[in-house]
Amino acid sequence: MANLNRIVNIKIDIKTPAVSAASFDNLLIIGPAPAVAPDYAPPAVGSYSDLEGVNDAGWVSVGANADPVGIAARIAFSQNPQPAKIFIAVQQTAQGTTEDIGTTLNRALQTSGWYVVCPAGIDESEYETIAEWTEAQVKLFAFTYVSDTVPVTPSIYYRSIGYYGKVNEQQAAVDVPASNLYMHVAAVAKCLAYPAGSETWKFKQLAAIVPNAISSTTMDALENQHLNYFSEFGGRNITMNGQVMAGEWIDVIRFRDWLQDNMQYRIYNLLIMNTKVPYTNGGIALVENQMLASLKAGQAAGGIAPDEFDSNDALVPGFVVIVPNSMDLSASEKASRSLAGCKFSARLAGAIHAVTVNGELTY
């Protein structure tokens, strides 16, 4: 081999692309440790692929002595489609003192693979803190409330999702079925099972949750505050509204987060997998290709609208990408080695949530 290298010398460099650690498909239950301490304490942050694993870790999921985290996990795994896995973060206690909820969240943030925070057994007074924390992350926060007032400031949070848990308006908080305290877990587990961009969070049927038997007035009040509920319509129990508390659609926030991550890693891999990407029109075109690939993936997922024709038969593209021409950039811009001016616009596919049909009958 050494002699042959004098004639034919081959060197092979293995280039491994970076893989995003972000996930937009899994929920994180955050709550207390098992009431009855198991022989081995569960991990501070762990993942579980089935309810048996949660029970083995020490949480009781059924019966009068069920743990909040155990019930939440059971509700999650009751949904169809069922989540592939869930994460659980334990709010630690030491010498009778429970740690600040922000400490628990920051610890959970060190574990990748989850997207939506779902409290279980956490007092509603902590929800505002969780909402504030989540707003600064690429995450979502979902909660169910059963008090008379919403525990999170309405209309200002784009990453918080609220559900109304009472079966009816007259029901006292202590009388709410245990499962309904985790309506948010059921809805999140259900909707995260669908690829980002393919779903709406409205019209979903939930297992193991008692529907809200509430008046139209209450429904209107909830929707005006961008809150969600679960009620019977046309013989089916379905989730209603599908919005975050600031009024945007939940699926739009999730799809935006997914698209940002997807495009970021595509362009990053372009830079690290090539010896260099030149600051020329050819190099800029390589960046453009990655932007196009990400937008096409978003289109295939159902988040971005396809190319369509308007009523005048004019083509309206689903997305448009604009990148600068190298020859139009200054020497100082090229010397900085930072490419700016890459832009795209895309039409959201959205979802139809209501249909109005006007018709007439004639002789």
Protein backbone atom coordinates (compact mmCIF):
# COMPACT_ATOMS: atom_id res chain seq x y z
CA MET A 1 0.00 0.00 0.00
CA ALA A 2 2.83 2.40 0.87
CA ASN A 3 4.45 1.83 -2.54
CA LEU A 4 1.13 2.20 -4.33
CA ASN A 5 0.54 5.55 -2.62
CA ARG A 6 3.56 6.86 -4.60
CA ILE A 7 1.52 6.31 -7.75
CA VAL A 8 -2.13 6.72 -6.68
CA ASN A 9 -2.72 8.55 -3.43
CA ILE A 10 -6.36 8.74 -2.36
CA LYS A 11 -7.60 10.74 0.61
CA ILE A 12 -11.23 10.57 1.70
CA ASP A 13 -12.72 13.18 3.97
CA ILE A 14 -15.95 12.22 5.74
CA LYS A 15 -18.31 15.18 5.92
CA THR A 16 -21.17 14.69 8.33
CA PRO A 17 -24.02 17.19 8.15
CA ALA A 18 -25.29 18.89 11.28
CA VAL A 19 -28.64 17.62 12.50
CA SER A 20 -31.03 19.92 14.32
CA ALA A 21 -31.71 18.91 17.90
CA ALA A 22 -34.97 20.82 17.86
CA SER A 23 -38.24 18.91 17.84
CA PHE A 24 -41.72 20.21 17.17
CA ASP A 25 -43.48 16.90 17.88
CA ASN A 26 -43.17 16.13 21.61
CA LEU A 27 -44.64 17.50 24.81
CA LEU A 28 -42.99 18.07 28.18
CA ILE A 29 -45.03 17.37 31.32
CA ILE A 30 -43.70 19.40 34.22
CA GLY A 31 -44.77 18.52 37.73
CA PRO A 32 -43.91 17.04 41.12
CA ALA A 33 -42.12 13.77 41.82
CA PRO A 34 -44.18 10.70 42.75
CA ALA A 35 -46.03 11.17 46.05
CA VAL A 36 -44.72 7.80 47.22
CA ALA A 37 -40.99 7.88 46.67
CA PRO A 38 -39.85 4.92 44.53
CA ASP A 39 -36.68 2.94 45.24
CA TYR A 40 -34.90 4.97 42.59
CA ALA A 41 -35.91 8.57 41.94
CA PRO A 42 -36.93 9.28 38.34
CA PRO A 43 -34.52 11.42 36.30
CA ALA A 44 -34.86 15.17 36.69
CA VAL A 45 -35.78 15.25 32.98
CA GLY A 46 -36.59 11.98 31.24
CA SER A 47 -38.33 10.64 28.15
CA TYR A 48 -40.92 7.85 28.17
CA SER A 49 -42.27 5.89 25.22
CA ASP A 50 -45.28 4.40 27.00
CA LEU A 51 -47.34 4.64 30.18
CA GLU A 52 -45.66 1.55 31.61
CA GLY A 53 -42.36 3.40 31.66
CA VAL A 54 -43.97 6.28 33.55
CA ASN A 55 -45.46 3.87 36.09
CA ASP A 56 -42.13 2.08 36.46
CA ALA A 57 -40.53 5.43 37.28
CA GLY A 58 -42.86 5.68 40.28
CA TRP A 59 -45.84 7.76 39.17
CA VAL A 60 -49.31 6.30 39.78
CA SER A 61 -51.61 6.97 36.82
CA VAL A 62 -55.00 5.60 37.92
CA GLY A 63 -57.07 5.42 41.08
CA ALA A 64 -57.63 7.60 44.13
CA ASN A 65 -53.89 7.89 44.81
CA ALA A 66 -52.91 8.82 41.27
CA ASP A 67 -50.15 11.38 40.85
CA PRO A 68 -50.84 14.48 38.71
CA VAL A 69 -47.93 13.62 36.42
CA GLY A 70 -49.18 10.03 36.16
CA ILE A 71 -52.68 11.15 35.18
CA ALA A 72 -51.28 13.60 32.63
CA ALA A 73 -49.12 10.86 31.11
CA ARG A 74 -52.10 8.50 30.93
CA ILE A 75 -54.16 11.20 29.19
CA ALA A 76 -51.33 11.79 26.70
CA PHE A 77 -50.95 8.12 25.81
CA SER A 78 -54.75 7.73 25.54
CA GLN A 79 -54.92 9.88 22.43
CA ASN A 80 -55.15 8.60 18.87
CA PRO A 81 -52.71 8.97 17.25
CA GLN A 82 -50.64 8.25 20.33
CA PRO A 83 -47.43 10.22 20.95
CA ALA A 84 -44.23 8.33 20.17
CA LYS A 85 -42.84 9.59 23.45
CA ILE A 86 -43.29 12.23 26.10
CA PHE A 87 -40.85 14.07 28.33
CA ILE A 88 -41.29 14.63 32.07
CA ALA A 89 -39.45 17.29 34.08
CA VAL A 90 -39.62 16.92 37.85
CA GLN A 91 -39.93 20.04 39.98
CA GLN A 92 -37.39 19.16 42.63
CA THR A 93 -37.84 19.55 46.39
CA ALA A 94 -35.15 19.70 49.03
CA GLN A 95 -35.69 19.85 52.78
CA GLY A 96 -39.38 20.50 52.24
CA THR A 97 -38.81 23.42 49.87
CA THR A 98 -39.93 23.25 46.24
CA GLU A 99 -37.63 24.85 43.70
CA ASP A 100 -38.71 27.83 41.64
CA ILE A 101 -40.59 26.80 38.49
CA GLY A 102 -38.12 28.77 36.37
CA THR A 103 -35.29 26.60 37.67
CA THR A 104 -37.17 23.48 36.58
CA LEU A 105 -37.84 24.96 33.15
CA ASN A 106 -34.23 26.01 32.63
CA ARG A 107 -33.10 22.51 33.53
CA ALA A 108 -35.58 21.02 31.06
CA LEU A 109 -34.28 23.35 28.37
CA GLN A 110 -30.94 21.54 28.52
CA THR A 111 -32.70 18.42 27.20
CA SER A 112 -33.59 18.61 23.52
CA GLY A 113 -36.48 16.88 21.83
CA TRP A 114 -39.58 18.57 23.28
CA TYR A 115 -41.67 21.55 22.17
CA VAL A 116 -44.72 22.21 24.38
CA VAL A 117 -44.65 22.71 28.17
CA CYS A 118 -47.65 21.08 29.89
CA PRO A 119 -47.93 21.57 33.67
CA ALA A 120 -49.40 18.81 35.84
CA GLY A 121 -49.90 19.37 39.55
CA ILE A 122 -48.51 22.90 39.29
CA ASP A 123 -50.57 25.62 40.96
CA GLU A 124 -52.32 28.00 38.57
CA SER A 125 -50.52 30.92 40.24
CA GLU A 126 -47.33 29.69 38.52
CA TYR A 127 -48.80 29.82 35.01
CA GLU A 128 -47.97 33.47 34.39
CA THR A 129 -44.32 32.75 35.17
CA ILE A 130 -44.32 29.81 32.76
CA ALA A 131 -45.95 31.98 30.08
CA GLU A 132 -43.30 34.69 30.54
CA TRP A 133 -40.51 32.12 30.34
CA THR A 134 -41.93 30.44 27.25
CA GLU A 135 -42.33 33.69 25.34
CA ALA A 136 -38.54 34.03 25.19
CA GLN A 137 -38.06 30.45 23.90
CA VAL A 138 -38.85 28.62 20.66
CA LYS A 139 -41.42 26.62 22.61
CA LEU A 140 -45.14 26.65 23.41
CA PHE A 141 -46.94 26.53 26.77
CA ALA A 142 -50.36 24.90 27.18
CA PHE A 143 -52.50 24.92 30.30
CA THR A 144 -56.00 24.13 31.54
CA TYR A 145 -57.65 26.40 34.08
CA VAL A 146 -60.67 25.73 36.30
CA SER A 147 -60.68 28.90 38.41
CA ASP A 148 -63.15 31.73 37.81
CA THR A 149 -60.53 33.92 36.16
CA VAL A 150 -57.87 33.18 33.57
CA PRO A 151 -54.55 32.74 35.40
CA VAL A 152 -52.50 34.16 32.50
CA THR A 153 -52.75 37.74 31.24
CA PRO A 154 -54.98 37.64 28.13
CA SER A 155 -54.00 38.82 24.66
CA ILE A 156 -50.25 39.36 25.14
CA TYR A 157 -48.69 35.92 24.80
CA TYR A 158 -48.01 34.40 21.37
CA ARG A 159 -46.70 31.14 22.82
CA SER A 160 -49.35 30.32 25.45
CA ILE A 161 -52.43 28.17 24.84
CA GLY A 162 -55.30 28.17 27.33
CA TYR A 163 -58.09 25.57 27.75
CA TYR A 164 -61.27 25.86 29.82
CA GLY A 165 -61.56 22.74 31.97
CA LYS A 166 -64.92 22.98 33.75
CA VAL A 167 -67.71 20.72 32.54
CA ASN A 168 -70.16 23.59 33.12
CA GLU A 169 -70.05 27.15 34.37
CA GLN A 170 -71.60 26.32 37.76
CA GLN A 171 -69.11 23.60 38.60
CA ALA A 172 -66.75 24.27 41.50
CA ALA A 173 -63.06 23.80 40.81
CA VAL A 174 -62.87 20.95 43.33
CA ASP A 175 -65.60 19.06 41.44
CA VAL A 176 -63.91 19.12 38.04
CA PRO A 177 -63.11 15.57 36.86
CA ALA A 178 -59.42 14.80 37.38
CA SER A 179 -58.96 14.07 33.69
CA ASN A 180 -60.24 17.51 32.70
CA LEU A 181 -57.40 19.19 34.55
CA TYR A 182 -55.24 17.85 31.71
CA MET A 183 -57.33 18.83 28.71
CA HIS A 184 -54.30 20.73 27.47
CA VAL A 185 -52.21 17.56 27.61
CA ALA A 186 -54.79 15.66 25.54
CA ALA A 187 -55.00 18.41 22.90
CA VAL A 188 -51.22 18.84 22.68
CA ALA A 189 -50.56 15.09 22.46
CA LYS A 190 -53.21 14.80 19.75
CA CYS A 191 -52.05 17.71 17.60
CA LEU A 192 -48.29 17.20 17.90
CA ALA A 193 -48.79 13.74 16.39
CA TYR A 194 -49.41 15.49 13.05
CA PRO A 195 -46.48 16.99 11.09
CA ALA A 196 -46.05 20.75 11.50
CA GLY A 197 -48.02 22.53 8.81
CA SER A 198 -50.43 19.67 8.19
CA GLU A 199 -52.81 20.32 11.09
CA THR A 200 -55.26 22.69 12.67
CA TRP A 201 -55.84 22.55 16.42
CA LYS A 202 -59.59 22.95 15.96
CA PHE A 203 -62.07 20.08 15.40
CA LYS A 204 -59.92 17.47 17.17
CA GLN A 205 -61.58 14.62 19.10
CA LEU A 206 -59.96 13.92 22.47
CA ALA A 207 -60.02 10.69 24.45
CA ALA A 208 -60.60 10.49 28.23
CA ILE A 209 -61.82 14.10 28.52
CA VAL A 210 -65.33 15.15 29.58
CA PRO A 211 -66.67 17.77 27.13
CA ASN A 212 -67.63 21.27 28.22
CA ALA A 213 -71.43 21.57 28.44
CA ILE A 214 -71.38 25.36 28.33
CA SER A 215 -73.63 28.08 26.96
CA SER A 216 -73.13 29.97 23.72
CA THR A 217 -72.44 33.05 25.81
CA THR A 218 -69.54 31.33 27.54
CA MET A 219 -68.27 30.00 24.21
CA ASP A 220 -68.29 33.53 22.80
CA ALA A 221 -66.49 34.87 25.87
CA LEU A 222 -63.79 32.19 25.60
CA GLU A 223 -63.28 32.78 21.89
CA ASN A 224 -63.12 36.55 22.40
CA GLN A 225 -60.22 35.94 24.80
CA HIS A 226 -58.64 33.48 22.34
CA LEU A 227 -59.14 30.58 24.75
CA ASN A 228 -59.91 27.02 23.73
CA TYR A 229 -62.50 24.50 24.85
CA PHE A 230 -63.83 21.02 24.10
CA SER A 231 -67.52 20.64 23.40
CA GLU A 232 -70.16 18.67 21.51
CA PHE A 233 -71.13 19.78 18.01
CA GLY A 234 -73.18 17.62 15.65
CA GLY A 235 -72.83 14.54 17.79
CA ARG A 236 -69.05 14.78 18.09
CA ASN A 237 -66.93 16.14 20.94
CA ILE A 238 -64.32 18.41 19.37
CA THR A 239 -61.78 21.05 20.32
CA MET A 240 -62.76 24.58 19.40
CA ASN A 241 -60.94 27.79 18.53
CA GLY A 242 -57.30 26.67 18.03
CA GLN A 243 -55.56 29.91 18.98
CA VAL A 244 -52.78 31.14 21.23
CA MET A 245 -53.73 33.81 23.74
CA ALA A 246 -52.56 36.69 21.52
CA GLY A 247 -54.98 35.55 18.81
CA GLU A 248 -52.70 33.87 16.27
CA TRP A 249 -53.45 30.31 15.20
CA ILE A 250 -51.48 27.67 17.09
CA ASP A 251 -50.58 25.78 13.91
CA VAL A 252 -49.13 28.95 12.35
CA ILE A 253 -46.80 29.51 15.31
CA ARG A 254 -45.69 25.87 15.23
CA PHE A 255 -45.13 25.88 11.46
CA ARG A 256 -43.15 29.13 11.62
CA ASP A 257 -40.87 27.63 14.27
CA TRP A 258 -40.39 24.50 12.18
CA LEU A 259 -39.66 26.46 8.97
CA GLN A 260 -37.15 28.71 10.71
CA ASP A 261 -35.27 25.70 12.10
CA ASN A 262 -35.41 23.79 8.81
CA MET A 263 -34.07 26.68 6.70
CA GLN A 264 -31.42 27.59 9.26
CA TYR A 265 -29.94 24.08 9.30
CA ARG A 266 -30.10 23.68 5.54
CA ILE A 267 -28.04 26.84 5.02
CA TYR A 268 -25.70 25.94 7.89
CA ASN A 269 -25.02 22.52 6.36
CA LEU A 270 -24.30 24.19 3.01
CA LEU A 271 -21.57 26.23 4.70
CA ILE A 272 -19.95 23.39 6.66
CA MET A 273 -20.21 20.68 3.98
CA ASN A 274 -18.33 22.68 1.36
CA THR A 275 -14.71 23.76 1.41
CA LYS A 276 -16.12 27.22 0.87
CA VAL A 277 -19.17 28.88 -0.63
CA PRO A 278 -17.80 31.70 -2.80
CA TYR A 279 -19.14 35.23 -2.56
CA THR A 280 -20.23 35.11 -6.21
CA ASN A 281 -23.53 34.70 -7.98
CA GLY A 282 -22.84 30.97 -8.05
CA GLY A 283 -22.33 30.86 -4.30
CA ILE A 284 -25.38 33.00 -3.63
CA ALA A 285 -27.39 30.65 -5.86
CA LEU A 286 -26.39 27.77 -3.56
CA VAL A 287 -27.86 29.67 -0.61
CA GLU A 288 -30.97 30.38 -2.68
CA ASN A 289 -31.31 26.67 -3.45
CA GLN A 290 -31.40 25.85 0.25
CA MET A 291 -34.06 28.47 0.85
CA LEU A 292 -36.10 27.02 -2.01
CA ALA A 293 -35.67 23.48 -0.70
CA SER A 294 -36.93 24.49 2.74
CA LEU A 295 -39.94 26.34 1.34
CA LYS A 296 -40.80 23.40 -0.91
CA ALA A 297 -40.64 21.11 2.13
CA GLY A 298 -43.01 23.51 3.91
CA GLN A 299 -45.29 23.39 0.91
CA ALA A 300 -45.25 19.58 0.90
CA ALA A 301 -46.09 19.56 4.63
CA GLY A 302 -49.15 21.71 3.96
CA GLY A 303 -48.05 24.87 5.74
CA ILE A 304 -47.37 26.92 2.58
CA ALA A 305 -49.96 27.29 -0.14
CA PRO A 306 -49.28 25.78 -3.58
CA ASP A 307 -49.01 27.83 -6.74
CA GLU A 308 -52.55 28.82 -7.71
CA PHE A 309 -54.37 30.81 -10.36
CA ASP A 310 -56.53 33.79 -9.50
CA SER A 311 -59.88 34.58 -11.13
CA ASN A 312 -58.03 36.27 -14.02
CA ASP A 313 -55.98 33.10 -14.67
CA ALA A 314 -52.85 34.83 -13.40
CA LEU A 315 -50.42 32.54 -11.61
CA VAL A 316 -49.98 33.37 -7.92
CA PRO A 317 -46.92 31.52 -6.58
CA GLY A 318 -46.99 29.91 -3.16
CA PHE A 319 -43.67 31.54 -2.35
CA VAL A 320 -41.12 33.90 -3.86
CA VAL A 321 -37.38 34.01 -3.06
CA ILE A 322 -35.18 37.04 -3.70
CA VAL A 323 -31.39 37.06 -3.32
CA PRO A 324 -28.90 39.83 -4.18
CA ASN A 325 -26.70 39.92 -7.25
CA SER A 326 -23.03 39.67 -6.32
CA MET A 327 -22.08 42.41 -8.75
CA ASP A 328 -24.44 44.85 -7.03
CA LEU A 329 -22.74 44.43 -3.64
CA SER A 330 -19.97 46.71 -2.46
CA ALA A 331 -16.40 45.63 -1.82
CA SER A 332 -16.88 46.24 1.92
CA GLU A 333 -19.94 43.98 1.96
CA LYS A 334 -17.98 41.20 0.30
CA ALA A 335 -15.01 41.78 2.60
CA SER A 336 -17.29 41.31 5.61
CA ARG A 337 -18.14 37.81 4.32
CA SER A 338 -21.68 38.31 5.56
CA LEU A 339 -24.44 37.85 3.00
CA ALA A 340 -27.51 40.02 3.61
CA GLY A 341 -30.53 40.75 1.45
CA CYS A 342 -31.81 37.19 1.08
CA LYS A 343 -35.58 37.35 1.35
CA PHE A 344 -38.67 35.24 0.82
CA SER A 345 -42.39 35.69 1.04
CA ALA A 346 -44.78 32.78 1.29
CA ARG A 347 -48.55 32.42 1.46
CA LEU A 348 -49.79 30.36 4.39
CA ALA A 349 -52.10 27.54 3.38
CA GLY A 350 -54.17 28.20 6.51
CA ALA A 351 -57.24 26.11 7.27
CA ILE A 352 -60.96 26.40 6.73
CA HIS A 353 -62.69 26.66 10.11
CA ALA A 354 -66.16 27.73 9.00
CA VAL A 355 -68.18 27.53 5.80
CA THR A 356 -71.06 29.75 4.70
CA VAL A 357 -73.20 28.68 1.75
CA ASN A 358 -75.85 30.93 0.24
CA GLY A 359 -78.35 29.23 -2.01
CA GLU A 360 -81.78 29.61 -3.45
CA LEU A 361 -84.53 27.33 -4.63
CA THR A 362 -86.64 28.25 -7.66
CA TYR A 363 -89.39 26.73 -9.75
